[in-house]
Structure formats: structure tokens, C-alpha cells
Amino acid sequence: MVFCCAASGLASLVISVATIVMQEPAGAQAAAAAPTAQAAEATAPAAATAAAPAAAKSGSAGEQPAAGARKVQPDPPGWVQFLPLAFIGIMFYMILLRPQQKEQRRRQETLGSLKKSDKVVTTGGIVGTIADLSQDGRFVTLKVDDSTRIRFLRSAIHGLLDDKAESSAG
């Protein structure tokens, strides 16, 4: 439950970052504002020539940008757009796939190490003691009661039964 909430929170964060990164760059807005600045300079040549000596006195070389113009920023590289997708992939692996692989590996080790007289529980919830293992290792015979023996596939064994859990339940 906690992982689902964390994953949805991270996904919304990644989506908001992706929308910010993929927005129209400021350079396009400055380019759109540049024609209006040029038009303003053409209509007021006296003001532009009067501003040039003031700019030279202030120590700035070149022309000053118009009041409404912004600095042109370069577009981000193309690989930046794939960062949110890569982040989602990494989080998917860390939250879902990695723990599932660890659990599957642990279960395979448990099934491989089964021996006679181990107390086990099946996937159906039947508790018993291993009475016999087949030659090929595919089948397990469980002793459920004094006179009851049931044959199961080895893959139907969920795991070993804890002695602590059995004593507290009974």
C-alpha cells in the first residue's frame, strides 16, 4: 500500500517535471518579442541614438535589449526529454520487479532444500510433514494425519512452517 502511494506521488512529480522541461523554451518567446522591439526602434530613431551614448557611459558594450525582450536561451538537448521516462523505468524496477525476483529466488531455494520430516504448508493452506520425496523430485508426499498421506507437486509447497506460528495457533 505504501509503495503504491509512493509510486503515484513519484509519477505525478515526474509528470510535472516533464511538462516543465517540454514547455516552449524562452528563446522562442524572445524571438517573438524581437520584431516588436525592432519596430519600436524604427519608429523612434531619435530615442535610439540618444540611448547609445548613455549605454557607452554605463560601460556596456553593444546594444541594450528592449524592455519587453528576454535573453535567448538555447534549447535543451534531446536526451533531456527522455529523463522522466528513464526515471519511471528505474522506479518500476526498484519497486516491483526487484522484490518479486528476490522472493522467487528465495522460494526456489526453499523448494530445493526440502527433505523428509520438514513441516510445510501448501499453497492451498494444507499443513503437513514431508513423508517422501519422489526420485525425480517433482512430487512430495505429505503426512497430514496419522493415516492420511497426500501427494503434491513440489511447486505446490508454499514454504516451511514456522514452529513458533504453529505453537501460537494451536
Protein backbone atom coordinates (compact mmCIF):
# COMPACT_ATOMS: atom_id res chain seq x y z
CA MET A 1 0.00 0.00 0.00
CA VAL A 2 2.82 2.37 0.90
CA PHE A 3 4.64 1.54 -2.34
CA CYS A 4 1.53 2.36 -4.39
CA CYS A 5 1.19 5.78 -2.74
CA ALA A 6 4.89 6.49 -3.15
CA ALA A 7 4.82 5.37 -6.77
CA SER A 8 1.82 7.56 -7.58
CA GLY A 9 3.43 10.53 -5.86
CA LEU A 10 6.67 9.97 -7.76
CA ALA A 11 4.79 9.55 -11.02
CA SER A 12 2.98 12.88 -10.54
CA LEU A 13 6.28 14.56 -9.71
CA VAL A 14 7.91 13.13 -12.82
CA ILE A 15 4.97 14.21 -14.98
CA SER A 16 5.12 17.77 -13.64
CA VAL A 17 8.88 17.93 -14.27
CA ALA A 18 8.35 16.56 -17.77
CA THR A 19 5.78 19.23 -18.57
CA ILE A 20 8.14 21.94 -17.37
CA VAL A 21 11.01 20.57 -19.45
CA MET A 22 8.86 20.14 -22.54
CA GLN A 23 7.34 23.62 -22.42
CA GLU A 24 8.16 26.12 -25.14
CA PRO A 25 11.66 27.43 -24.46
CA ALA A 26 12.19 31.06 -23.53
CA GLY A 27 14.18 31.58 -26.74
CA ALA A 28 11.02 31.22 -28.83
CA GLN A 29 9.27 33.84 -26.71
CA ALA A 30 12.24 36.25 -27.08
CA ALA A 31 12.27 35.69 -30.83
CA ALA A 32 8.58 36.58 -30.96
CA ALA A 33 9.23 39.75 -28.93
CA ALA A 34 12.24 40.80 -31.07
CA PRO A 35 10.21 42.03 -34.09
CA THR A 36 8.20 44.36 -31.87
CA ALA A 37 11.43 45.76 -30.42
CA GLN A 38 12.79 46.35 -33.91
CA ALA A 39 9.57 48.09 -34.92
CA ALA A 40 9.83 50.33 -31.87
CA GLU A 41 13.41 51.28 -32.82
CA ALA A 42 12.36 52.10 -36.38
CA THR A 43 9.62 54.47 -35.18
CA ALA A 44 11.81 56.25 -32.67
CA PRO A 45 15.27 56.73 -34.24
CA ALA A 46 15.98 59.77 -32.09
CA ALA A 47 15.41 57.81 -28.90
CA ALA A 48 17.72 55.03 -30.09
CA THR A 49 20.54 57.44 -30.92
CA ALA A 50 20.09 59.14 -27.56
CA ALA A 51 20.28 55.77 -25.76
CA ALA A 52 23.60 54.86 -27.44
CA PRO A 53 25.70 57.48 -25.59
CA ALA A 54 24.00 56.50 -22.34
CA ALA A 55 24.90 52.86 -22.94
CA ALA A 56 28.52 53.81 -23.63
CA LYS A 57 28.68 55.75 -20.37
CA SER A 58 27.27 52.84 -18.34
CA GLY A 59 30.09 50.57 -19.55
CA SER A 60 28.04 48.07 -21.54
CA ALA A 61 29.30 47.19 -24.98
CA GLY A 62 26.68 46.75 -27.67
CA GLU A 63 23.00 47.45 -27.66
CA GLN A 64 20.77 47.03 -24.68
CA PRO A 65 17.80 44.72 -25.15
CA ALA A 66 14.38 46.27 -25.44
CA ALA A 67 12.29 46.49 -22.29
CA GLY A 68 9.98 43.58 -23.22
CA ALA A 69 12.66 41.31 -24.76
CA ARG A 70 14.13 38.36 -22.87
CA LYS A 71 17.50 36.71 -23.19
CA VAL A 72 17.60 33.90 -25.71
CA GLN A 73 18.25 30.55 -24.06
CA PRO A 74 19.39 27.53 -26.04
CA ASP A 75 17.07 24.55 -26.36
CA PRO A 76 17.86 21.65 -24.03
CA PRO A 77 19.41 18.57 -25.65
CA GLY A 78 17.03 15.90 -26.94
CA TRP A 79 18.03 13.30 -24.35
CA VAL A 80 16.67 15.51 -21.55
CA GLN A 81 13.14 14.71 -22.71
CA PHE A 82 13.74 11.02 -22.02
CA LEU A 83 14.91 11.53 -18.42
CA PRO A 84 11.39 11.29 -16.91
CA LEU A 85 10.76 8.06 -18.81
CA ALA A 86 14.07 6.62 -17.64
CA PHE A 87 13.27 7.65 -14.06
CA ILE A 88 9.88 5.92 -14.22
CA GLY A 89 11.56 2.77 -15.59
CA ILE A 90 14.10 2.72 -12.76
CA MET A 91 11.38 3.22 -10.14
CA PHE A 92 9.28 0.45 -11.73
CA TYR A 93 12.25 -1.91 -11.46
CA MET A 94 13.09 -0.95 -7.87
CA ILE A 95 9.52 -1.08 -6.54
CA LEU A 96 8.02 -4.00 -8.45
CA LEU A 97 10.45 -6.24 -10.28
CA ARG A 98 13.40 -6.44 -7.89
CA PRO A 99 11.43 -7.55 -4.79
CA GLN A 100 9.49 -10.08 -6.88
CA GLN A 101 12.73 -11.58 -8.21
CA LYS A 102 14.17 -11.80 -4.68
CA GLU A 103 11.03 -13.58 -3.42
CA GLN A 104 11.08 -16.01 -6.35
CA ARG A 105 14.75 -16.80 -5.75
CA ARG A 106 14.10 -17.40 -2.02
CA ARG A 107 11.18 -19.73 -2.82
CA GLN A 108 13.26 -21.74 -5.31
CA GLU A 109 15.98 -22.18 -2.70
CA THR A 110 13.39 -23.32 -0.15
CA LEU A 111 11.83 -25.84 -2.56
CA GLY A 112 15.26 -27.16 -3.49
CA SER A 113 16.25 -27.76 0.12
CA LEU A 114 13.14 -29.76 1.16
CA LYS A 115 13.82 -33.03 2.97
CA LYS A 116 11.91 -35.67 4.92
CA SER A 117 10.29 -34.64 8.22
CA ASP A 118 10.12 -30.94 7.28
CA LYS A 119 6.87 -29.29 8.29
CA VAL A 120 5.47 -27.40 5.31
CA VAL A 121 2.36 -25.54 4.22
CA THR A 122 0.94 -25.85 0.70
CA THR A 123 -0.40 -23.03 -1.44
CA GLY A 124 -3.90 -24.30 -0.57
CA GLY A 125 -3.18 -23.98 3.16
CA ILE A 126 -2.74 -27.68 4.00
CA VAL A 127 -0.19 -28.23 6.74
CA GLY A 128 1.75 -31.45 6.86
CA THR A 129 5.06 -33.21 7.30
CA ILE A 130 7.04 -34.45 4.31
CA ALA A 131 6.89 -38.24 4.35
CA ASP A 132 8.50 -38.97 0.96
CA LEU A 133 10.14 -37.25 -1.99
CA SER A 134 9.89 -38.79 -5.47
CA GLN A 135 13.00 -39.93 -7.35
CA ASP A 136 12.73 -37.20 -9.99
CA GLY A 137 11.97 -34.54 -7.36
CA ARG A 138 8.67 -33.43 -8.89
CA PHE A 139 6.34 -34.91 -6.24
CA VAL A 140 6.16 -34.66 -2.46
CA THR A 141 4.06 -36.90 -0.22
CA LEU A 142 2.75 -35.12 2.85
CA LYS A 143 1.66 -36.82 6.02
CA VAL A 144 -1.32 -34.74 7.14
CA ASP A 145 -2.66 -37.05 9.87
CA ASP A 146 -1.60 -40.40 11.32
CA SER A 147 -3.26 -42.31 8.48
CA THR A 148 -3.62 -39.62 5.80
CA ARG A 149 -1.00 -39.06 3.13
CA ILE A 150 -1.46 -36.68 0.19
CA ARG A 151 0.73 -36.43 -2.87
CA PHE A 152 1.52 -32.91 -4.16
CA LEU A 153 3.67 -31.34 -6.80
CA ARG A 154 6.77 -29.79 -5.30
CA SER A 155 5.74 -26.44 -6.77
CA ALA A 156 2.52 -26.56 -4.70
CA ILE A 157 4.55 -26.21 -1.50
CA HIS A 158 4.37 -22.61 -0.30
CA GLY A 159 7.13 -22.85 2.26
CA LEU A 160 8.36 -24.22 5.52
CA LEU A 161 6.10 -23.91 8.53
CA ASP A 162 7.46 -21.99 11.47
CA ASP A 163 7.33 -23.85 14.77
CA LYS A 164 6.52 -20.57 16.53
CA ALA A 165 3.49 -19.92 14.29
CA GLU A 166 2.19 -23.46 14.82
CA SER A 167 2.50 -23.36 18.62
CA SER A 168 0.79 -19.94 18.91
CA ALA A 169 -2.09 -21.01 16.63
CA GLY A 170 -2.83 -24.24 18.45
